[in-house]
């Protein structure tokens, strides 16, 4: 049985976490933009 490469597995997990964080940051940016548009619409009375 070949030894398990923990370093490689951890590196892969970190890559997956970085992708998830990137997606969450993108969603946060989208939500921030949506809130800004809603605030602008409210101020204009639309």
N, C-alpha and C. Protein backbone atom coordinates (compact mmCIF):
# COMPACT_ATOMS: atom_id res chain seq x y z
N UNK A 1 0.84 -1.18 0.00
CA UNK A 1 0.00 0.00 0.00
C UNK A 1 0.89 1.25 0.00
N UNK A 2 0.63 2.15 -0.94
CA UNK A 2 1.43 3.36 -1.06
C UNK A 2 1.09 4.33 0.07
N UNK A 3 2.08 5.08 0.55
CA UNK A 3 1.81 6.05 1.61
C UNK A 3 0.89 7.18 1.10
N UNK A 4 0.06 7.65 1.98
CA UNK A 4 -0.90 8.72 1.64
C UNK A 4 -0.18 10.06 1.65
N UNK A 5 -0.41 10.85 0.63
CA UNK A 5 0.26 12.14 0.50
C UNK A 5 -0.64 13.23 1.10
N UNK A 6 -0.45 13.51 2.37
CA UNK A 6 -1.26 14.50 3.06
C UNK A 6 -1.03 15.91 2.52
N UNK A 7 0.22 16.20 2.18
CA UNK A 7 0.54 17.55 1.68
C UNK A 7 -0.25 17.84 0.40
N UNK A 8 -0.32 16.88 -0.50
CA UNK A 8 -1.06 17.04 -1.74
C UNK A 8 -2.55 17.20 -1.47
N UNK A 9 -3.08 16.43 -0.55
CA UNK A 9 -4.50 16.50 -0.21
C UNK A 9 -4.85 17.85 0.41
N UNK A 10 -3.98 18.32 1.30
CA UNK A 10 -4.21 19.62 1.94
C UNK A 10 -4.15 20.74 0.90
N UNK A 11 -3.20 20.66 -0.03
CA UNK A 11 -3.09 21.67 -1.08
C UNK A 11 -4.35 21.68 -1.94
N UNK A 12 -4.90 20.53 -2.24
CA UNK A 12 -6.13 20.44 -3.03
C UNK A 12 -7.31 21.03 -2.26
N UNK A 13 -7.39 20.74 -0.96
CA UNK A 13 -8.45 21.30 -0.12
C UNK A 13 -8.36 22.82 -0.08
N UNK A 14 -7.15 23.34 0.03
CA UNK A 14 -6.96 24.79 0.07
C UNK A 14 -7.43 25.42 -1.24
N UNK A 15 -7.14 24.78 -2.36
CA UNK A 15 -7.60 25.30 -3.66
C UNK A 15 -9.12 25.34 -3.70
N UNK A 16 -9.77 24.30 -3.20
CA UNK A 16 -11.23 24.27 -3.19
C UNK A 16 -11.80 25.35 -2.28
N UNK A 17 -11.17 25.58 -1.15
CA UNK A 17 -11.61 26.63 -0.23
C UNK A 17 -11.43 28.00 -0.88
N UNK A 18 -10.32 28.20 -1.59
CA UNK A 18 -10.09 29.47 -2.27
C UNK A 18 -11.15 29.72 -3.34
N UNK A 19 -11.56 28.69 -4.05
CA UNK A 19 -12.63 28.84 -5.05
C UNK A 19 -13.93 29.23 -4.36
N UNK A 20 -14.26 28.54 -3.27
CA UNK A 20 -15.49 28.85 -2.53
C UNK A 20 -15.47 30.29 -2.02
N UNK A 21 -14.34 30.72 -1.48
CA UNK A 21 -14.23 32.10 -0.99
C UNK A 21 -14.35 33.10 -2.12
N UNK A 22 -13.81 32.78 -3.27
CA UNK A 22 -13.91 33.65 -4.43
C UNK A 22 -15.37 33.81 -4.85
N UNK A 23 -16.11 32.71 -4.85
CA UNK A 23 -17.54 32.76 -5.20
C UNK A 23 -18.30 33.61 -4.19
N UNK A 24 -18.02 33.39 -2.90
CA UNK A 24 -18.70 34.16 -1.86
C UNK A 24 -18.38 35.65 -1.97
N UNK A 25 -17.13 35.99 -2.27
CA UNK A 25 -16.76 37.40 -2.45
C UNK A 25 -17.49 38.00 -3.64
N UNK A 26 -17.63 37.24 -4.70
CA UNK A 26 -18.37 37.71 -5.87
C UNK A 26 -19.83 37.97 -5.53
N UNK A 27 -20.43 37.06 -4.77
CA UNK A 27 -21.82 37.25 -4.36
C UNK A 27 -21.96 38.48 -3.47
N UNK A 28 -20.99 38.69 -2.59
CA UNK A 28 -21.02 39.87 -1.72
C UNK A 28 -20.97 41.15 -2.56
N UNK A 29 -20.10 41.15 -3.56
CA UNK A 29 -19.99 42.32 -4.44
C UNK A 29 -21.28 42.57 -5.19
N UNK A 30 -21.91 41.51 -5.67
CA UNK A 30 -23.18 41.64 -6.38
C UNK A 30 -24.25 42.19 -5.45
N UNK A 31 -24.32 41.65 -4.24
CA UNK A 31 -25.32 42.12 -3.28
C UNK A 31 -25.07 43.57 -2.90
N UNK A 32 -23.83 43.97 -2.77
CA UNK A 32 -23.51 45.37 -2.46
C UNK A 32 -23.98 46.27 -3.60
N UNK A 33 -23.76 45.86 -4.82
CA UNK A 33 -24.21 46.64 -5.98
C UNK A 33 -25.73 46.71 -6.02
N UNK A 34 -26.40 45.60 -5.73
CA UNK A 34 -27.86 45.60 -5.72
C UNK A 34 -28.41 46.54 -4.66
N UNK A 35 -27.79 46.53 -3.48
CA UNK A 35 -28.23 47.43 -2.42
C UNK A 35 -28.05 48.89 -2.82
N UNK A 36 -26.94 49.19 -3.48
CA UNK A 36 -26.69 50.55 -3.93
C UNK A 36 -27.76 50.97 -4.95
N UNK A 37 -28.12 50.07 -5.85
CA UNK A 37 -29.17 50.39 -6.83
C UNK A 37 -30.52 50.59 -6.16
N UNK A 38 -30.83 49.75 -5.18
CA UNK A 38 -32.10 49.91 -4.46
C UNK A 38 -32.14 51.24 -3.70
N UNK A 39 -31.04 51.60 -3.09
CA UNK A 39 -30.97 52.87 -2.36
C UNK A 39 -31.16 54.04 -3.32
N UNK A 40 -30.50 53.97 -4.46
CA UNK A 40 -30.63 55.03 -5.47
C UNK A 40 -32.08 55.12 -5.96
N UNK A 41 -32.70 53.99 -6.21
CA UNK A 41 -34.10 53.98 -6.67
C UNK A 41 -35.01 54.57 -5.60
N UNK A 42 -34.75 54.24 -4.33
CA UNK A 42 -35.56 54.79 -3.23
C UNK A 42 -35.42 56.31 -3.18
N UNK A 43 -34.21 56.78 -3.31
CA UNK A 43 -33.97 58.23 -3.26
C UNK A 43 -34.65 58.95 -4.41
N UNK A 44 -34.74 58.31 -5.55
CA UNK A 44 -35.39 58.92 -6.71
C UNK A 44 -36.90 58.72 -6.69
N UNK A 45 -37.36 57.87 -5.78
CA UNK A 45 -38.79 57.61 -5.68
C UNK A 45 -39.32 56.72 -6.77
N UNK A 46 -38.48 55.83 -7.26
CA UNK A 46 -38.87 54.92 -8.34
C UNK A 46 -39.50 53.68 -7.75
